Amino acid sequence: MATRRHTDFCRLAAQQWRDDPRLEDAFFAGYGGDPRNPEQWRMATVHEAIGTAVWAYQVGDERFERQGHRMVAEALELF
């Protein structure tokens, strides 16, 4: 099950860290290390990606829906 921090990490990974991987390194350096477990991370990214695409579709936010579809594709690459 995804924790709140996994949800936050998924959002950062899909947006801010995606364009500049140095931000991810800097974040975890300040956070005190990367607590993500690879198996839980894979499941959290799939969960967040599907949730993003579905919610965005329901509210008619096409740009955010595209982001959700991109997140699904990227999450599936982790398997």
PDB file of N, CA and C in Angstrom:
ATOM      1  N   MET A   1       0.837  -1.174   0.000  1.00  0.00           N
ATOM      2  CA  MET A   1       0.000   0.000   0.000  1.00  0.00           C
ATOM      3  C   MET A   1       0.892   1.251   0.000  1.00  0.00           C
ATOM      4  N   ALA A   2       0.507   2.208  -0.763  1.00  0.00           N
ATOM      5  CA  ALA A   2       1.287   3.444  -0.862  1.00  0.00           C
ATOM      6  C   ALA A   2       1.089   4.295   0.394  1.00  0.00           C
ATOM      7  N   THR A   3       2.175   4.845   0.872  1.00  0.00           N
ATOM      8  CA  THR A   3       2.096   5.769   1.997  1.00  0.00           C
ATOM      9  C   THR A   3       1.951   7.179   1.448  1.00  0.00           C
ATOM     10  N   ARG A   4       1.652   8.102   2.336  1.00  0.00           N
ATOM     11  CA  ARG A   4       1.528   9.507   1.909  1.00  0.00           C
ATOM     12  C   ARG A   4       2.841   9.987   1.287  1.00  0.00           C
ATOM     13  N   ARG A   5       3.972   9.570   1.876  1.00  0.00           N
ATOM     14  CA  ARG A   5       5.236  10.022   1.310  1.00  0.00           C
ATOM     15  C   ARG A   5       5.452   9.433  -0.077  1.00  0.00           C
ATOM     16  N   HIS A   6       4.996   8.185  -0.309  1.00  0.00           N
ATOM     17  CA  HIS A   6       5.112   7.628  -1.657  1.00  0.00           C
ATOM     18  C   HIS A   6       4.288   8.446  -2.649  1.00  0.00           C
ATOM     19  N   THR A   7       3.109   8.869  -2.227  1.00  0.00           N
ATOM     20  CA  THR A   7       2.274   9.700  -3.090  1.00  0.00           C
ATOM     21  C   THR A   7       3.004  10.997  -3.435  1.00  0.00           C
ATOM     22  N   ASP A   8       3.586  11.613  -2.423  1.00  0.00           N
ATOM     23  CA  ASP A   8       4.334  12.852  -2.666  1.00  0.00           C
ATOM     24  C   ASP A   8       5.535  12.600  -3.565  1.00  0.00           C
ATOM     25  N   PHE A   9       6.267  11.512  -3.319  1.00  0.00           N
ATOM     26  CA  PHE A   9       7.436  11.186  -4.151  1.00  0.00           C
ATOM     27  C   PHE A   9       7.016  10.923  -5.596  1.00  0.00           C
ATOM     28  N   CYS A  10       5.869  10.262  -5.787  1.00  0.00           N
ATOM     29  CA  CYS A  10       5.382   9.996  -7.149  1.00  0.00           C
ATOM     30  C   CYS A  10       5.098  11.299  -7.887  1.00  0.00           C
ATOM     31  N   ARG A  11       4.480  12.244  -7.206  1.00  0.00           N
ATOM     32  CA  ARG A  11       4.187  13.538  -7.829  1.00  0.00           C
ATOM     33  C   ARG A  11       5.477  14.259  -8.201  1.00  0.00           C
ATOM     34  N   LEU A  12       6.425  14.274  -7.279  1.00  0.00           N
ATOM     35  CA  LEU A  12       7.715  14.920  -7.563  1.00  0.00           C
ATOM     36  C   LEU A  12       8.412  14.227  -8.734  1.00  0.00           C
ATOM     37  N   ALA A  13       8.401  12.895  -8.738  1.00  0.00           N
ATOM     38  CA  ALA A  13       9.072  12.138  -9.807  1.00  0.00           C
ATOM     39  C   ALA A  13       8.423  12.390 -11.167  1.00  0.00           C
ATOM     40  N   ALA A  14       7.097  12.545 -11.176  1.00  0.00           N
ATOM     41  CA  ALA A  14       6.373  12.746 -12.433  1.00  0.00           C
ATOM     42  C   ALA A  14       6.477  14.173 -12.944  1.00  0.00           C
ATOM     43  N   GLN A  15       6.852  15.099 -12.070  1.00  0.00           N
ATOM     44  CA  GLN A  15       6.881  16.499 -12.470  1.00  0.00           C
ATOM     45  C   GLN A  15       8.275  17.101 -12.308  1.00  0.00           C
ATOM     46  N   GLN A  16       8.625  17.498 -11.121  1.00  0.00           N
ATOM     47  CA  GLN A  16       9.863  18.258 -10.905  1.00  0.00           C
ATOM     48  C   GLN A  16      11.128  17.440 -11.182  1.00  0.00           C
ATOM     49  N   TRP A  17      11.200  16.222 -10.669  1.00  0.00           N
ATOM     50  CA  TRP A  17      12.420  15.426 -10.830  1.00  0.00           C
ATOM     51  C   TRP A  17      12.608  14.950 -12.266  1.00  0.00           C
ATOM     52  N   ARG A  18      11.527  14.843 -13.002  1.00  0.00           N
ATOM     53  CA  ARG A  18      11.584  14.318 -14.367  1.00  0.00           C
ATOM     54  C   ARG A  18      12.460  15.191 -15.273  1.00  0.00           C
ATOM     55  N   ASP A  19      12.346  16.480 -15.124  1.00  0.00           N
ATOM     56  CA  ASP A  19      13.080  17.407 -15.982  1.00  0.00           C
ATOM     57  C   ASP A  19      14.496  17.677 -15.502  1.00  0.00           C
ATOM     58  N   ASP A  20      14.765  17.447 -14.228  1.00  0.00           N
ATOM     59  CA  ASP A  20      16.102  17.708 -13.691  1.00  0.00           C
ATOM     60  C   ASP A  20      16.411  16.694 -12.592  1.00  0.00           C
ATOM     61  N   PRO A  21      17.021  15.553 -12.953  1.00  0.00           N
ATOM     62  CA  PRO A  21      17.306  14.500 -11.979  1.00  0.00           C
ATOM     63  C   PRO A  21      18.159  14.967 -10.794  1.00  0.00           C
ATOM     64  N   ARG A  22      18.870  16.067 -10.958  1.00  0.00           N
ATOM     65  CA  ARG A  22      19.658  16.588  -9.833  1.00  0.00           C
ATOM     66  C   ARG A  22      18.757  16.992  -8.680  1.00  0.00           C
ATOM     67  N   LEU A  23      17.521  17.385  -8.990  1.00  0.00           N
ATOM     68  CA  LEU A  23      16.584  17.762  -7.938  1.00  0.00           C
ATOM     69  C   LEU A  23      16.236  16.571  -7.046  1.00  0.00           C
ATOM     70  N   GLU A  24      16.107  15.396  -7.660  1.00  0.00           N
ATOM     71  CA  GLU A  24      15.840  14.180  -6.879  1.00  0.00           C
ATOM     72  C   GLU A  24      17.015  13.884  -5.950  1.00  0.00           C
ATOM     73  N   ASP A  25      18.227  13.949  -6.489  1.00  0.00           N
ATOM     74  CA  ASP A  25      19.423  13.709  -5.677  1.00  0.00           C
ATOM     75  C   ASP A  25      19.499  14.706  -4.520  1.00  0.00           C
ATOM     76  N   ALA A  26      19.250  15.969  -4.802  1.00  0.00           N
ATOM     77  CA  ALA A  26      19.312  17.002  -3.773  1.00  0.00           C
ATOM     78  C   ALA A  26      18.218  16.797  -2.727  1.00  0.00           C
ATOM     79  N   PHE A  27      17.025  16.411  -3.177  1.00  0.00           N
ATOM     80  CA  PHE A  27      15.924  16.187  -2.250  1.00  0.00           C
ATOM     81  C   PHE A  27      16.282  15.097  -1.255  1.00  0.00           C
ATOM     82  N   PHE A  28      16.734  13.949  -1.764  1.00  0.00           N
ATOM     83  CA  PHE A  28      17.031  12.838  -0.870  1.00  0.00           C
ATOM     84  C   PHE A  28      18.279  13.084  -0.025  1.00  0.00           C
ATOM     85  N   ALA A  29      19.200  13.888  -0.510  1.00  0.00           N
ATOM     86  CA  ALA A  29      20.352  14.267   0.315  1.00  0.00           C
ATOM     87  C   ALA A  29      19.867  15.043   1.539  1.00  0.00           C
ATOM     88  N   GLY A  30      18.916  15.943   1.338  1.00  0.00           N
ATOM     89  CA  GLY A  30      18.363  16.710   2.442  1.00  0.00           C
ATOM     90  C   GLY A  30      17.391  15.905   3.284  1.00  0.00           C
ATOM     91  N   TYR A  31      16.708  14.950   2.668  1.00  0.00           N
ATOM     92  CA  TYR A  31      15.714  14.120   3.360  1.00  0.00           C
ATOM     93  C   TYR A  31      16.392  13.137   4.306  1.00  0.00           C
ATOM     94  N   GLY A  32      17.638  12.788   3.978  1.00  0.00           N
ATOM     95  CA  GLY A  32      18.368  11.828   4.803  1.00  0.00           C
ATOM     96  C   GLY A  32      18.448  10.448   4.176  1.00  0.00           C
ATOM     97  N   GLY A  33      18.329  10.391   2.870  1.00  0.00           N
ATOM     98  CA  GLY A  33      18.396   9.122   2.149  1.00  0.00           C
ATOM     99  C   GLY A  33      17.086   8.816   1.461  1.00  0.00           C
ATOM    100  N   ASP A  34      17.136   7.849   0.594  1.00  0.00           N
ATOM    101  CA  ASP A  34      15.974   7.443  -0.192  1.00  0.00           C
ATOM    102  C   ASP A  34      15.312   6.246   0.493  1.00  0.00           C
ATOM    103  N   PRO A  35      14.126   6.432   1.085  1.00  0.00           N
ATOM    104  CA  PRO A  35      13.480   5.348   1.820  1.00  0.00           C
ATOM    105  C   PRO A  35      12.644   4.402   0.951  1.00  0.00           C
ATOM    106  N   ARG A  36      12.627   4.651  -0.354  1.00  0.00           N
ATOM    107  CA  ARG A  36      11.744   3.858  -1.216  1.00  0.00           C
ATOM    108  C   ARG A  36      12.238   2.430  -1.364  1.00  0.00           C
ATOM    109  N   ASN A  37      11.323   1.502  -1.166  1.00  0.00           N
ATOM    110  CA  ASN A  37      11.554   0.085  -1.421  1.00  0.00           C
ATOM    111  C   ASN A  37      11.166  -0.159  -2.873  1.00  0.00           C
ATOM    112  N   PRO A  38      12.035  -0.795  -3.678  1.00  0.00           N
ATOM    113  CA  PRO A  38      11.737  -0.928  -5.115  1.00  0.00           C
ATOM    114  C   PRO A  38      10.378  -1.559  -5.427  1.00  0.00           C
ATOM    115  N   GLU A  39       9.995  -2.610  -4.713  1.00  0.00           N
ATOM    116  CA  GLU A  39       8.714  -3.253  -5.014  1.00  0.00           C
ATOM    117  C   GLU A  39       7.547  -2.339  -4.650  1.00  0.00           C
ATOM    118  N   GLN A  40       7.612  -1.707  -3.488  1.00  0.00           N
ATOM    119  CA  GLN A  40       6.555  -0.777  -3.099  1.00  0.00           C
ATOM    120  C   GLN A  40       6.517   0.426  -4.027  1.00  0.00           C
ATOM    121  N   TRP A  41       7.687   0.881  -4.467  1.00  0.00           N
ATOM    122  CA  TRP A  41       7.757   2.028  -5.372  1.00  0.00           C
ATOM    123  C   TRP A  41       7.070   1.708  -6.696  1.00  0.00           C
ATOM    124  N   ARG A  42       7.319   0.524  -7.238  1.00  0.00           N
ATOM    125  CA  ARG A  42       6.664   0.139  -8.502  1.00  0.00           C
ATOM    126  C   ARG A  42       5.149   0.181  -8.357  1.00  0.00           C
ATOM    127  N   MET A  43       4.646  -0.394  -7.267  1.00  0.00           N
ATOM    128  CA  MET A  43       3.198  -0.428  -7.061  1.00  0.00           C
ATOM    129  C   MET A  43       2.643   0.976  -6.822  1.00  0.00           C
ATOM    130  N   ALA A  44       3.368   1.788  -6.071  1.00  0.00           N
ATOM    131  CA  ALA A  44       2.910   3.156  -5.801  1.00  0.00           C
ATOM    132  C   ALA A  44       2.837   3.957  -7.090  1.00  0.00           C
ATOM    133  N   THR A  45       3.829   3.797  -7.973  1.00  0.00           N
ATOM    134  CA  THR A  45       3.807   4.577  -9.213  1.00  0.00           C
ATOM    135  C   THR A  45       2.642   4.167 -10.110  1.00  0.00           C
ATOM    136  N   VAL A  46       2.347   2.868 -10.159  1.00  0.00           N
ATOM    137  CA  VAL A  46       1.196   2.410 -10.955  1.00  0.00           C
ATOM    138  C   VAL A  46      -0.096   2.973 -10.368  1.00  0.00           C
ATOM    139  N   HIS A  47      -0.243   2.874  -9.073  1.00  0.00           N
ATOM    140  CA  HIS A  47      -1.437   3.368  -8.388  1.00  0.00           C
ATOM    141  C   HIS A  47      -1.642   4.863  -8.647  1.00  0.00           C
ATOM    142  N   GLU A  48      -0.607   5.644  -8.447  1.00  0.00           N
ATOM    143  CA  GLU A  48      -0.706   7.094  -8.638  1.00  0.00           C
ATOM    144  C   GLU A  48      -0.953   7.461 -10.099  1.00  0.00           C
ATOM    145  N   ALA A  49      -0.330   6.726 -11.009  1.00  0.00           N
ATOM    146  CA  ALA A  49      -0.492   7.007 -12.432  1.00  0.00           C
ATOM    147  C   ALA A  49      -1.933   6.773 -12.881  1.00  0.00           C
ATOM    148  N   ILE A  50      -2.486   5.640 -12.497  1.00  0.00           N
ATOM    149  CA  ILE A  50      -3.863   5.334 -12.884  1.00  0.00           C
ATOM    150  C   ILE A  50      -4.824   6.325 -12.234  1.00  0.00           C
ATOM    151  N   GLY A  51      -4.595   6.610 -10.972  1.00  0.00           N
ATOM    152  CA  GLY A  51      -5.443   7.579 -10.278  1.00  0.00           C
ATOM    153  C   GLY A  51      -5.406   8.951 -10.937  1.00  0.00           C
ATOM    154  N   THR A  52      -4.229   9.362 -11.362  1.00  0.00           N
ATOM    155  CA  THR A  52      -4.079  10.655 -12.029  1.00  0.00           C
ATOM    156  C   THR A  52      -4.852  10.683 -13.345  1.00  0.00           C
ATOM    157  N   ALA A  53      -4.668   9.654 -14.162  1.00  0.00           N
ATOM    158  CA  ALA A  53      -5.337   9.613 -15.471  1.00  0.00           C
ATOM    159  C   ALA A  53      -6.853   9.568 -15.320  1.00  0.00           C
ATOM    160  N   VAL A  54      -7.338   8.755 -14.394  1.00  0.00           N
ATOM    161  CA  VAL A  54      -8.786   8.618 -14.210  1.00  0.00           C
ATOM    162  C   VAL A  54      -9.398   9.912 -13.670  1.00  0.00           C
ATOM    163  N   TRP A  55      -8.788  10.473 -12.626  1.00  0.00           N
ATOM    164  CA  TRP A  55      -9.330  11.700 -12.049  1.00  0.00           C
ATOM    165  C   TRP A  55      -9.346  12.824 -13.087  1.00  0.00           C
ATOM    166  N   ALA A  56      -8.244  12.970 -13.817  1.00  0.00           N
ATOM    167  CA  ALA A  56      -8.150  14.041 -14.807  1.00  0.00           C
ATOM    168  C   ALA A  56      -9.201  13.858 -15.902  1.00  0.00           C
ATOM    169  N   TYR A  57      -9.438  12.621 -16.324  1.00  0.00           N
ATOM    170  CA  TYR A  57     -10.475  12.346 -17.316  1.00  0.00           C
ATOM    171  C   TYR A  57     -11.844  12.757 -16.772  1.00  0.00           C
ATOM    172  N   GLN A  58     -12.112  12.383 -15.511  1.00  0.00           N
ATOM    173  CA  GLN A  58     -13.413  12.672 -14.916  1.00  0.00           C
ATOM    174  C   GLN A  58     -13.697  14.169 -14.818  1.00  0.00           C
ATOM    175  N   VAL A  59     -12.660  14.962 -14.593  1.00  0.00           N
ATOM    176  CA  VAL A  59     -12.883  16.409 -14.456  1.00  0.00           C
ATOM    177  C   VAL A  59     -12.610  17.166 -15.753  1.00  0.00           C
ATOM    178  N   GLY A  60     -12.202  16.440 -16.803  1.00  0.00           N
ATOM    179  CA  GLY A  60     -11.995  17.066 -18.100  1.00  0.00           C
ATOM    180  C   GLY A  60     -10.693  17.844 -18.240  1.00  0.00           C
ATOM    181  N   ASP A  61      -9.691  17.487 -17.434  1.00  0.00           N
ATOM    182  CA  ASP A  61      -8.391  18.171 -17.504  1.00  0.00           C
ATOM    183  C   ASP A  61      -7.484  17.380 -18.455  1.00  0.00           C
ATOM    184  N   GLU A  62      -7.524  17.738 -19.726  1.00  0.00           N
ATOM    185  CA  GLU A  62      -6.816  16.970 -20.752  1.00  0.00           C
ATOM    186  C   GLU A  62      -5.301  16.976 -20.561  1.00  0.00           C
ATOM    187  N   ARG A  63      -4.739  18.100 -20.156  1.00  0.00           N
ATOM    188  CA  ARG A  63      -3.286  18.163 -19.948  1.00  0.00           C
ATOM    189  C   ARG A  63      -2.868  17.227 -18.824  1.00  0.00           C
ATOM    190  N   PHE A  64      -3.593  17.251 -17.725  1.00  0.00           N
ATOM    191  CA  PHE A  64      -3.269  16.394 -16.587  1.00  0.00           C
ATOM    192  C   PHE A  64      -3.542  14.929 -16.923  1.00  0.00           C
ATOM    193  N   GLU A  65      -4.554  14.677 -17.741  1.00  0.00           N
ATOM    194  CA  GLU A  65      -4.832  13.306 -18.183  1.00  0.00           C
ATOM    195  C   GLU A  65      -3.661  12.776 -19.010  1.00  0.00           C
ATOM    196  N   ARG A  66      -3.121  13.610 -19.890  1.00  0.00           N
ATOM    197  CA  ARG A  66      -1.945  13.191 -20.672  1.00  0.00           C
ATOM    198  C   ARG A  66      -0.777  12.866 -19.749  1.00  0.00           C
ATOM    199  N   GLN A  67      -0.605  13.685 -18.711  1.00  0.00           N
ATOM    200  CA  GLN A  67       0.446  13.396 -17.739  1.00  0.00           C
ATOM    201  C   GLN A  67       0.184  12.037 -17.090  1.00  0.00           C
ATOM    202  N   GLY A  68      -1.054  11.749 -16.749  1.00  0.00           N
ATOM    203  CA  GLY A  68      -1.404  10.460 -16.150  1.00  0.00           C
ATOM    204  C   GLY A  68      -1.083   9.301 -17.073  1.00  0.00           C
ATOM    205  N   HIS A  69      -1.381   9.458 -18.358  1.00  0.00           N
ATOM    206  CA  HIS A  69      -1.066   8.393 -19.323  1.00  0.00           C
ATOM    207  C   HIS A  69       0.450   8.211 -19.458  1.00  0.00           C
ATOM    208  N   ARG A  70       1.177   9.312 -19.434  1.00  0.00           N
ATOM    209  CA  ARG A  70       2.643   9.219 -19.466  1.00  0.00           C
ATOM    210  C   ARG A  70       3.150   8.522 -18.217  1.00  0.00           C
ATOM    211  N   MET A  71       2.565   8.857 -17.058  1.00  0.00           N
ATOM    212  CA  MET A  71       2.962   8.230 -15.814  1.00  0.00           C
ATOM    213  C   MET A  71       2.688   6.722 -15.844  1.00  0.00           C
ATOM    214  N   VAL A  72       1.565   6.309 -16.450  1.00  0.00           N
ATOM    215  CA  VAL A  72       1.263   4.871 -16.564  1.00  0.00           C
ATOM    216  C   VAL A  72       2.341   4.189 -17.397  1.00  0.00           C
ATOM    217  N   ALA A  73       2.677   4.764 -18.539  1.00  0.00           N
ATOM    218  CA  ALA A  73       3.699   4.164 -19.404  1.00  0.00           C
ATOM    219  C   ALA A  73       5.037   4.055 -18.681  1.00  0.00           C
ATOM    220  N   GLU A  74       5.421   5.107 -17.965  1.00  0.00           N
ATOM    221  CA  GLU A  74       6.694   5.097 -17.246  1.00  0.00           C
ATOM    222  C   GLU A  74       6.657   4.119 -16.071  1.00  0.00           C
ATOM    223  N   ALA A  75       5.512   4.009 -15.405  1.00  0.00           N
ATOM    224  CA  ALA A  75       5.385   3.067 -14.284  1.00  0.00           C
ATOM    225  C   ALA A  75       5.520   1.623 -14.776  1.00  0.00           C
ATOM    226  N   LEU A  76       4.910   1.339 -15.907  1.00  0.00           N
ATOM    227  CA  LEU A  76       4.990  -0.034 -16.434  1.00  0.00           C
ATOM    228  C   LEU A  76       6.411  -0.424 -16.835  1.00  0.00           C
ATOM    229  N   GLU A  77       7.232   0.562 -17.163  1.00  0.00           N
ATOM    230  CA  GLU A  77       8.634   0.279 -17.494  1.00  0.00           C
ATOM    231  C   GLU A  77       9.411  -0.222 -16.272  1.00  0.00           C
ATOM    232  N   LEU A  78       8.891   0.021 -15.072  1.00  0.00           N
ATOM    233  CA  LEU A  78       9.580  -0.415 -13.852  1.00  0.00           C
ATOM    234  C   LEU A  78       9.417  -1.916 -13.596  1.00  0.00           C
ATOM    235  N   PHE A  79       8.520  -2.572 -14.346  1.00  0.00           N
ATOM    236  CA  PHE A  79       8.282  -4.013 -14.148  1.00  0.00           C
ATOM    237  C   PHE A  79       9.079  -4.848 -15.116  1.00  0.00           C
TER     238      PHE A  79
END
